[in-house]
Amino acid sequence: MLYYMLDDGIIGGGNSAGVDITSDGKNYEVKAVRKTTNKVIEGKFVHNFKLGGTVNVSPVIKDLQELININKTEIPSSKINEYRNTHEFSKIENLYREAASYYFNNHEIIFLDNSTSKTRGNIIFIGRIKPESIYIERVTSGTVKPLIKIE
C-alpha cells in the first residue's frame, strides 16, 4: 500500500537485504507489528515480528536454553521476564542486541500497526532503531522475536 501512496516509491524484492521500499533516496524496511507494554521494563514497545533470516540467533537461543534450563524451542515472554534482571541474561541480551543492531543498521524502519482494532495499518514509528531499544521478547518458531522500545 505504501508503494501506491508514494510518487517515487520503489519496492524491494527478495534480494534487497531488508529494504522493502525506497522513497526520496531513503531505504525502509516495513514490519507489521503490535504495540505492547512489558511487565519488567518501562516504556512502550512493538513486538510480534521476526528479524530477517540473515541474523544468526542460534547462539542466543542456545544460551537462553542453558540459562533457563529448558530444552524446548519455545520460550514465552513470561519465562524471559523471570530472568531479565539477572547478569547472565543481560549478557545474552547484549549478544542479541549486537546481532539485531547489525540487521537494523543499514536502513530506517517503518512499523505498521497489525492489531485487530480500527488502527490496523496506521504507522506507529518511522526511523532508525538504536541498539539500546532492542530487547528479547520471546523465542518461538526457531527464532528470537524482538521487543523494540519506541517510547
N, C-alpha and C. Protein backbone atom coordinates (compact mmCIF):
# COMPACT_ATOMS: atom_id res chain seq x y z
N MET A 1 0.81 -1.18 0.00
CA MET A 1 0.00 0.00 0.00
C MET A 1 0.87 1.26 0.00
N LEU A 2 1.99 1.20 0.75
CA LEU A 2 2.89 2.36 0.77
C LEU A 2 3.38 2.70 -0.63
N TYR A 3 3.60 1.69 -1.42
CA TYR A 3 4.08 1.90 -2.79
C TYR A 3 3.10 2.80 -3.57
N TYR A 4 1.83 2.55 -3.40
CA TYR A 4 0.82 3.32 -4.12
C TYR A 4 0.66 4.74 -3.56
N MET A 5 1.04 4.92 -2.31
CA MET A 5 0.91 6.23 -1.68
C MET A 5 2.09 7.15 -1.99
N LEU A 6 3.18 6.59 -2.45
CA LEU A 6 4.40 7.36 -2.70
C LEU A 6 4.62 7.53 -4.19
N ASP A 7 4.81 8.76 -4.62
CA ASP A 7 5.05 9.02 -6.05
C ASP A 7 6.33 8.38 -6.54
N ASP A 8 7.35 8.34 -5.68
CA ASP A 8 8.66 7.85 -6.11
C ASP A 8 9.02 6.51 -5.46
N GLY A 9 8.05 5.79 -4.91
CA GLY A 9 8.32 4.55 -4.21
C GLY A 9 8.82 3.45 -5.12
N ILE A 10 9.86 2.76 -4.65
CA ILE A 10 10.41 1.60 -5.36
C ILE A 10 10.36 0.43 -4.38
N ILE A 11 9.72 -0.65 -4.79
CA ILE A 11 9.57 -1.82 -3.93
C ILE A 11 10.83 -2.67 -4.01
N GLY A 12 11.30 -3.11 -2.84
CA GLY A 12 12.43 -4.03 -2.77
C GLY A 12 11.94 -5.44 -3.00
N GLY A 13 12.83 -6.30 -3.34
CA GLY A 13 12.46 -7.69 -3.60
C GLY A 13 13.15 -8.62 -2.63
N GLY A 14 13.14 -9.89 -2.96
CA GLY A 14 13.74 -10.92 -2.11
C GLY A 14 15.23 -10.74 -1.90
N ASN A 15 15.91 -10.09 -2.82
CA ASN A 15 17.36 -9.89 -2.70
C ASN A 15 17.71 -8.49 -2.22
N SER A 16 16.76 -7.78 -1.66
CA SER A 16 17.00 -6.38 -1.30
C SER A 16 17.59 -6.20 0.10
N ALA A 17 17.93 -7.27 0.80
CA ALA A 17 18.60 -7.22 2.11
C ALA A 17 17.87 -6.35 3.11
N GLY A 18 16.59 -6.61 3.31
CA GLY A 18 15.83 -5.90 4.32
C GLY A 18 15.22 -4.60 3.86
N VAL A 19 15.42 -4.21 2.61
CA VAL A 19 14.83 -2.98 2.11
C VAL A 19 13.53 -3.34 1.41
N ASP A 20 12.42 -2.90 2.00
CA ASP A 20 11.11 -3.20 1.42
C ASP A 20 10.64 -2.12 0.47
N ILE A 21 11.03 -0.87 0.77
CA ILE A 21 10.62 0.24 -0.10
C ILE A 21 11.67 1.34 -0.02
N THR A 22 11.89 2.00 -1.14
CA THR A 22 12.79 3.15 -1.22
C THR A 22 11.97 4.35 -1.65
N SER A 23 12.17 5.47 -0.96
CA SER A 23 11.48 6.70 -1.31
C SER A 23 12.38 7.88 -0.96
N ASP A 24 12.46 8.83 -1.86
CA ASP A 24 13.26 10.04 -1.64
C ASP A 24 14.70 9.71 -1.27
N GLY A 25 15.22 8.65 -1.88
CA GLY A 25 16.61 8.25 -1.65
C GLY A 25 16.86 7.51 -0.35
N LYS A 26 15.82 7.23 0.43
CA LYS A 26 15.99 6.51 1.69
C LYS A 26 15.42 5.11 1.57
N ASN A 27 16.11 4.17 2.21
CA ASN A 27 15.67 2.79 2.24
C ASN A 27 14.92 2.51 3.54
N TYR A 28 13.81 1.79 3.43
CA TYR A 28 12.99 1.46 4.58
C TYR A 28 12.67 -0.03 4.58
N GLU A 29 12.68 -0.60 5.76
CA GLU A 29 12.11 -1.92 5.94
C GLU A 29 10.76 -1.70 6.61
N VAL A 30 9.76 -2.43 6.18
CA VAL A 30 8.41 -2.28 6.72
C VAL A 30 8.05 -3.56 7.49
N LYS A 31 7.60 -3.37 8.73
CA LYS A 31 7.20 -4.50 9.57
C LYS A 31 5.80 -4.25 10.12
N ALA A 32 4.96 -5.26 10.05
CA ALA A 32 3.66 -5.23 10.69
C ALA A 32 3.85 -5.72 12.12
N VAL A 33 3.48 -4.90 13.09
CA VAL A 33 3.76 -5.19 14.49
C VAL A 33 2.53 -4.92 15.35
N ARG A 34 2.66 -5.24 16.60
CA ARG A 34 1.63 -4.89 17.59
C ARG A 34 2.29 -4.09 18.71
N LYS A 35 1.56 -3.13 19.23
CA LYS A 35 2.03 -2.36 20.37
C LYS A 35 1.83 -3.19 21.64
N THR A 36 2.73 -2.97 22.62
CA THR A 36 2.62 -3.69 23.88
C THR A 36 3.35 -2.94 24.98
N THR A 37 3.16 -3.40 26.19
CA THR A 37 3.97 -2.97 27.32
C THR A 37 4.65 -4.22 27.85
N ASN A 38 5.58 -4.04 28.77
CA ASN A 38 6.30 -5.17 29.35
C ASN A 38 6.17 -5.07 30.86
N LYS A 39 6.03 -6.21 31.53
CA LYS A 39 5.83 -6.20 32.98
C LYS A 39 7.10 -5.87 33.75
N VAL A 40 8.24 -5.91 33.11
CA VAL A 40 9.51 -5.69 33.80
C VAL A 40 10.21 -4.41 33.33
N ILE A 41 10.05 -4.05 32.07
CA ILE A 41 10.73 -2.88 31.50
C ILE A 41 9.69 -1.79 31.27
N GLU A 42 10.02 -0.57 31.68
CA GLU A 42 9.10 0.54 31.46
C GLU A 42 9.19 1.03 30.03
N GLY A 43 8.08 1.51 29.51
CA GLY A 43 8.05 2.09 28.18
C GLY A 43 6.99 1.45 27.31
N LYS A 44 6.92 1.94 26.09
CA LYS A 44 6.01 1.39 25.09
C LYS A 44 6.86 0.69 24.04
N PHE A 45 6.37 -0.43 23.59
CA PHE A 45 7.14 -1.30 22.72
C PHE A 45 6.30 -1.77 21.54
N VAL A 46 6.98 -2.30 20.53
CA VAL A 46 6.34 -3.07 19.48
C VAL A 46 6.93 -4.47 19.51
N HIS A 47 6.13 -5.42 19.07
CA HIS A 47 6.57 -6.83 19.09
C HIS A 47 5.76 -7.61 18.06
N ASN A 48 5.95 -8.93 18.10
CA ASN A 48 5.21 -9.86 17.26
C ASN A 48 5.66 -9.81 15.80
N PHE A 49 6.97 -9.75 15.60
CA PHE A 49 7.55 -9.84 14.27
C PHE A 49 8.91 -10.51 14.37
N LYS A 50 9.45 -10.89 13.24
CA LYS A 50 10.76 -11.54 13.18
C LYS A 50 11.74 -10.64 12.47
N LEU A 51 13.01 -10.81 12.80
CA LEU A 51 14.07 -10.19 12.01
C LEU A 51 14.24 -11.03 10.76
N GLY A 52 14.93 -10.50 9.77
CA GLY A 52 15.18 -11.25 8.54
C GLY A 52 16.03 -12.47 8.80
N GLY A 53 16.03 -13.37 7.87
CA GLY A 53 16.75 -14.63 8.00
C GLY A 53 18.26 -14.52 8.00
N THR A 54 18.80 -13.33 7.79
CA THR A 54 20.25 -13.17 7.76
C THR A 54 20.86 -13.07 9.15
N VAL A 55 20.04 -12.96 10.19
CA VAL A 55 20.54 -12.82 11.55
C VAL A 55 20.64 -14.20 12.20
N ASN A 56 21.85 -14.57 12.59
CA ASN A 56 22.06 -15.86 13.23
C ASN A 56 21.80 -15.72 14.73
N VAL A 57 20.67 -16.24 15.18
CA VAL A 57 20.31 -16.15 16.59
C VAL A 57 20.46 -17.49 17.31
N SER A 58 20.99 -18.50 16.65
CA SER A 58 21.11 -19.81 17.28
C SER A 58 21.99 -19.78 18.54
N PRO A 59 23.10 -19.00 18.59
CA PRO A 59 23.86 -18.93 19.85
C PRO A 59 23.04 -18.32 20.98
N VAL A 60 22.20 -17.35 20.66
CA VAL A 60 21.35 -16.70 21.67
C VAL A 60 20.33 -17.70 22.20
N ILE A 61 19.71 -18.45 21.31
CA ILE A 61 18.72 -19.46 21.73
C ILE A 61 19.38 -20.52 22.61
N LYS A 62 20.54 -20.98 22.20
CA LYS A 62 21.28 -21.99 22.97
C LYS A 62 21.61 -21.46 24.37
N ASP A 63 22.10 -20.23 24.45
CA ASP A 63 22.44 -19.64 25.75
C ASP A 63 21.19 -19.47 26.62
N LEU A 64 20.07 -19.07 26.03
CA LEU A 64 18.82 -18.93 26.79
C LEU A 64 18.35 -20.29 27.31
N GLN A 65 18.44 -21.31 26.48
CA GLN A 65 18.03 -22.65 26.90
C GLN A 65 18.88 -23.12 28.08
N GLU A 66 20.18 -22.85 28.02
CA GLU A 66 21.07 -23.25 29.12
C GLU A 66 20.77 -22.44 30.39
N LEU A 67 20.56 -21.15 30.25
CA LEU A 67 20.28 -20.30 31.41
C LEU A 67 18.99 -20.72 32.09
N ILE A 68 17.95 -20.93 31.30
CA ILE A 68 16.63 -21.24 31.84
C ILE A 68 16.49 -22.74 32.17
N ASN A 69 17.46 -23.51 31.71
CA ASN A 69 17.45 -24.96 31.90
C ASN A 69 16.20 -25.58 31.27
N ILE A 70 16.06 -25.28 29.99
CA ILE A 70 14.91 -25.75 29.22
C ILE A 70 15.42 -26.27 27.89
N ASN A 71 14.85 -27.35 27.42
CA ASN A 71 15.30 -27.94 26.16
C ASN A 71 14.24 -27.78 25.07
N LYS A 72 13.39 -26.76 25.21
CA LYS A 72 12.34 -26.52 24.23
C LYS A 72 12.76 -25.40 23.29
N THR A 73 12.16 -25.39 22.10
CA THR A 73 12.44 -24.31 21.15
C THR A 73 11.50 -23.13 21.34
N GLU A 74 10.55 -23.25 22.27
CA GLU A 74 9.62 -22.17 22.58
C GLU A 74 9.90 -21.70 24.01
N ILE A 75 10.20 -20.40 24.15
CA ILE A 75 10.38 -19.81 25.48
C ILE A 75 9.48 -18.57 25.53
N PRO A 76 8.42 -18.61 26.34
CA PRO A 76 7.48 -17.49 26.37
C PRO A 76 8.08 -16.25 27.03
N SER A 77 7.47 -15.11 26.76
CA SER A 77 7.95 -13.86 27.33
C SER A 77 7.87 -13.87 28.86
N SER A 78 6.90 -14.57 29.42
CA SER A 78 6.79 -14.64 30.88
C SER A 78 8.03 -15.30 31.49
N LYS A 79 8.55 -16.32 30.83
CA LYS A 79 9.76 -17.00 31.30
C LYS A 79 10.99 -16.12 31.10
N ILE A 80 11.04 -15.42 29.96
CA ILE A 80 12.14 -14.48 29.70
C ILE A 80 12.17 -13.42 30.80
N ASN A 81 11.00 -12.88 31.15
CA ASN A 81 10.93 -11.82 32.16
C ASN A 81 11.40 -12.29 33.54
N GLU A 82 11.26 -13.58 33.84
CA GLU A 82 11.75 -14.11 35.12
C GLU A 82 13.26 -13.95 35.25
N TYR A 83 13.96 -14.00 34.13
CA TYR A 83 15.43 -13.95 34.13
C TYR A 83 15.97 -12.59 33.69
N ARG A 84 15.10 -11.70 33.27
CA ARG A 84 15.51 -10.44 32.65
C ARG A 84 16.48 -9.61 33.49
N ASN A 85 16.34 -9.59 34.79
CA ASN A 85 17.18 -8.74 35.64
C ASN A 85 18.42 -9.44 36.17
N THR A 86 18.78 -10.58 35.58
CA THR A 86 19.99 -11.27 36.02
C THR A 86 21.18 -10.87 35.14
N HIS A 87 22.35 -10.99 35.69
CA HIS A 87 23.57 -10.66 34.95
C HIS A 87 23.74 -11.59 33.73
N GLU A 88 23.44 -12.86 33.92
CA GLU A 88 23.59 -13.84 32.83
C GLU A 88 22.68 -13.50 31.66
N PHE A 89 21.43 -13.13 31.98
CA PHE A 89 20.50 -12.77 30.92
C PHE A 89 20.97 -11.51 30.20
N SER A 90 21.47 -10.53 30.93
CA SER A 90 21.96 -9.29 30.32
C SER A 90 23.04 -9.57 29.29
N LYS A 91 23.93 -10.51 29.59
CA LYS A 91 24.99 -10.86 28.64
C LYS A 91 24.39 -11.46 27.36
N ILE A 92 23.39 -12.32 27.53
CA ILE A 92 22.74 -12.94 26.37
C ILE A 92 21.99 -11.87 25.56
N GLU A 93 21.28 -11.00 26.24
CA GLU A 93 20.52 -9.96 25.55
C GLU A 93 21.44 -9.01 24.80
N ASN A 94 22.60 -8.72 25.37
CA ASN A 94 23.58 -7.87 24.67
C ASN A 94 24.11 -8.54 23.40
N LEU A 95 24.29 -9.85 23.45
CA LEU A 95 24.69 -10.60 22.25
C LEU A 95 23.59 -10.48 21.18
N TYR A 96 22.35 -10.60 21.60
CA TYR A 96 21.23 -10.46 20.67
C TYR A 96 21.15 -9.04 20.12
N ARG A 97 21.33 -8.05 20.99
CA ARG A 97 21.32 -6.64 20.56
C ARG A 97 22.35 -6.38 19.48
N GLU A 98 23.51 -6.96 19.66
CA GLU A 98 24.59 -6.77 18.68
C GLU A 98 24.17 -7.32 17.32
N ALA A 99 23.61 -8.53 17.31
CA ALA A 99 23.19 -9.14 16.04
C ALA A 99 22.02 -8.37 15.43
N ALA A 100 21.06 -7.99 16.24
CA ALA A 100 19.89 -7.26 15.74
C ALA A 100 20.28 -5.86 15.28
N SER A 101 21.21 -5.22 15.98
CA SER A 101 21.65 -3.87 15.58
C SER A 101 22.29 -3.90 14.21
N TYR A 102 23.06 -4.93 13.94
CA TYR A 102 23.68 -5.07 12.63
C TYR A 102 22.59 -5.20 11.56
N TYR A 103 21.54 -5.92 11.88
CA TYR A 103 20.41 -6.10 10.96
C TYR A 103 19.71 -4.77 10.67
N PHE A 104 19.46 -3.98 11.70
CA PHE A 104 18.74 -2.71 11.56
C PHE A 104 19.62 -1.56 11.08
N ASN A 105 20.90 -1.74 11.06
CA ASN A 105 21.85 -0.65 10.85
C ASN A 105 21.80 0.02 9.48
N ASN A 106 21.44 -0.67 8.45
CA ASN A 106 21.58 -0.14 7.09
C ASN A 106 20.36 0.57 6.53
N HIS A 107 19.31 0.70 7.31
CA HIS A 107 18.10 1.32 6.78
C HIS A 107 17.20 1.78 7.94
N GLU A 108 16.26 2.61 7.59
CA GLU A 108 15.25 3.02 8.56
C GLU A 108 14.13 1.98 8.54
N ILE A 109 13.31 2.04 9.55
CA ILE A 109 12.23 1.06 9.67
C ILE A 109 10.90 1.79 9.77
N ILE A 110 9.88 1.19 9.21
CA ILE A 110 8.51 1.66 9.37
C ILE A 110 7.75 0.54 10.05
N PHE A 111 7.23 0.82 11.25
CA PHE A 111 6.39 -0.14 11.95
C PHE A 111 4.93 0.23 11.70
N LEU A 112 4.17 -0.71 11.16
CA LEU A 112 2.74 -0.54 10.91
C LEU A 112 1.95 -1.34 11.93
N ASP A 113 0.88 -0.75 12.43
CA ASP A 113 0.01 -1.41 13.40
C ASP A 113 -0.66 -2.62 12.74
N ASN A 114 -0.52 -3.77 13.37
CA ASN A 114 -1.11 -5.00 12.86
C ASN A 114 -2.11 -5.58 13.87
N SER A 115 -2.68 -4.72 14.68
CA SER A 115 -3.66 -5.19 15.66
C SER A 115 -4.99 -5.47 14.95
N THR A 116 -5.90 -6.02 15.69
CA THR A 116 -7.21 -6.32 15.11
C THR A 116 -8.18 -5.16 15.29
N SER A 117 -7.68 -4.05 15.80
CA SER A 117 -8.55 -2.90 16.06
C SER A 117 -8.67 -2.01 14.82
N LYS A 118 -9.32 -0.89 15.01
CA LYS A 118 -9.52 0.07 13.93
C LYS A 118 -8.22 0.75 13.50
N THR A 119 -7.16 0.55 14.24
CA THR A 119 -5.89 1.22 13.92
C THR A 119 -5.00 0.41 12.99
N ARG A 120 -5.46 -0.73 12.53
CA ARG A 120 -4.65 -1.57 11.65
C ARG A 120 -4.19 -0.77 10.43
N GLY A 121 -2.89 -0.84 10.16
CA GLY A 121 -2.31 -0.16 9.02
C GLY A 121 -1.75 1.21 9.35
N ASN A 122 -2.09 1.76 10.52
CA ASN A 122 -1.53 3.05 10.91
C ASN A 122 -0.03 2.93 11.15
N ILE A 123 0.70 3.98 10.82
CA ILE A 123 2.13 4.00 11.07
C ILE A 123 2.36 4.29 12.55
N ILE A 124 3.11 3.41 13.21
CA ILE A 124 3.43 3.57 14.63
C ILE A 124 4.75 4.30 14.80
N PHE A 125 5.72 4.00 13.92
CA PHE A 125 7.08 4.52 14.09
C PHE A 125 7.77 4.54 12.73
N ILE A 126 8.56 5.58 12.50
CA ILE A 126 9.47 5.65 11.35
C ILE A 126 10.80 6.15 11.87
N GLY A 127 11.87 5.46 11.58
CA GLY A 127 13.18 5.93 12.00
C GLY A 127 14.19 4.80 12.12
N ARG A 128 15.30 5.14 12.73
CA ARG A 128 16.36 4.16 12.98
C ARG A 128 16.14 3.52 14.34
N ILE A 129 16.55 2.28 14.46
CA ILE A 129 16.45 1.55 15.72
C ILE A 129 17.81 1.62 16.42
N LYS A 130 17.81 2.17 17.62
CA LYS A 130 19.04 2.26 18.42
C LYS A 130 19.26 0.94 19.13
N PRO A 131 20.52 0.53 19.28
CA PRO A 131 20.80 -0.75 19.96
C PRO A 131 20.16 -0.85 21.34
N GLU A 132 20.16 0.24 22.10
CA GLU A 132 19.61 0.20 23.46
C GLU A 132 18.08 0.06 23.47
N SER A 133 17.46 0.13 22.32
CA SER A 133 16.00 -0.04 22.21
C SER A 133 15.61 -1.48 21.89
N ILE A 134 16.58 -2.35 21.72
CA ILE A 134 16.33 -3.73 21.30
C ILE A 134 16.39 -4.67 22.50
N TYR A 135 15.34 -5.46 22.67
CA TYR A 135 15.27 -6.43 23.76
C TYR A 135 14.82 -7.77 23.19
N ILE A 136 14.99 -8.82 23.99
CA ILE A 136 14.46 -10.14 23.65
C ILE A 136 13.05 -10.22 24.21
N GLU A 137 12.09 -10.55 23.35
CA GLU A 137 10.72 -10.73 23.84
C GLU A 137 10.44 -12.20 24.16
N ARG A 138 10.66 -13.07 23.19
CA ARG A 138 10.42 -14.50 23.38
C ARG A 138 11.13 -15.28 22.30
N VAL A 139 11.13 -16.59 22.45
CA VAL A 139 11.69 -17.49 21.44
C VAL A 139 10.53 -18.34 20.93
N THR A 140 10.33 -18.30 19.62
CA THR A 140 9.26 -19.07 19.01
C THR A 140 9.59 -19.33 17.55
N SER A 141 9.09 -20.40 17.02
CA SER A 141 9.30 -20.76 15.60
C SER A 141 10.78 -20.78 15.24
N GLY A 142 11.61 -21.21 16.18
CA GLY A 142 13.04 -21.35 15.90
C GLY A 142 13.81 -20.04 15.82
N THR A 143 13.24 -18.95 16.32
CA THR A 143 13.94 -17.67 16.28
C THR A 143 13.61 -16.85 17.52
N VAL A 144 14.38 -15.80 17.71
CA VAL A 144 14.13 -14.87 18.81
C VAL A 144 13.28 -13.74 18.26
N LYS A 145 12.16 -13.49 18.90
CA LYS A 145 11.32 -12.37 18.49
C LYS A 145 11.74 -11.14 19.30
N PRO A 146 11.97 -10.04 18.61
CA PRO A 146 12.43 -8.84 19.32
C PRO A 146 11.30 -8.07 19.99
N LEU A 147 11.70 -7.28 20.95
CA LEU A 147 10.84 -6.32 21.63
C LEU A 147 11.55 -4.98 21.44
N ILE A 148 10.95 -4.06 20.71
CA ILE A 148 11.60 -2.80 20.36
C ILE A 148 10.92 -1.67 21.11
N LYS A 149 11.72 -0.93 21.89
CA LYS A 149 11.18 0.20 22.64
C LYS A 149 11.03 1.38 21.71
N ILE A 150 9.82 1.95 21.66
CA ILE A 150 9.57 3.10 20.78
C ILE A 150 9.29 4.37 21.57
N GLU A 151 9.04 4.26 22.87
CA GLU A 151 8.82 5.43 23.73
C GLU A 151 9.35 5.15 25.11
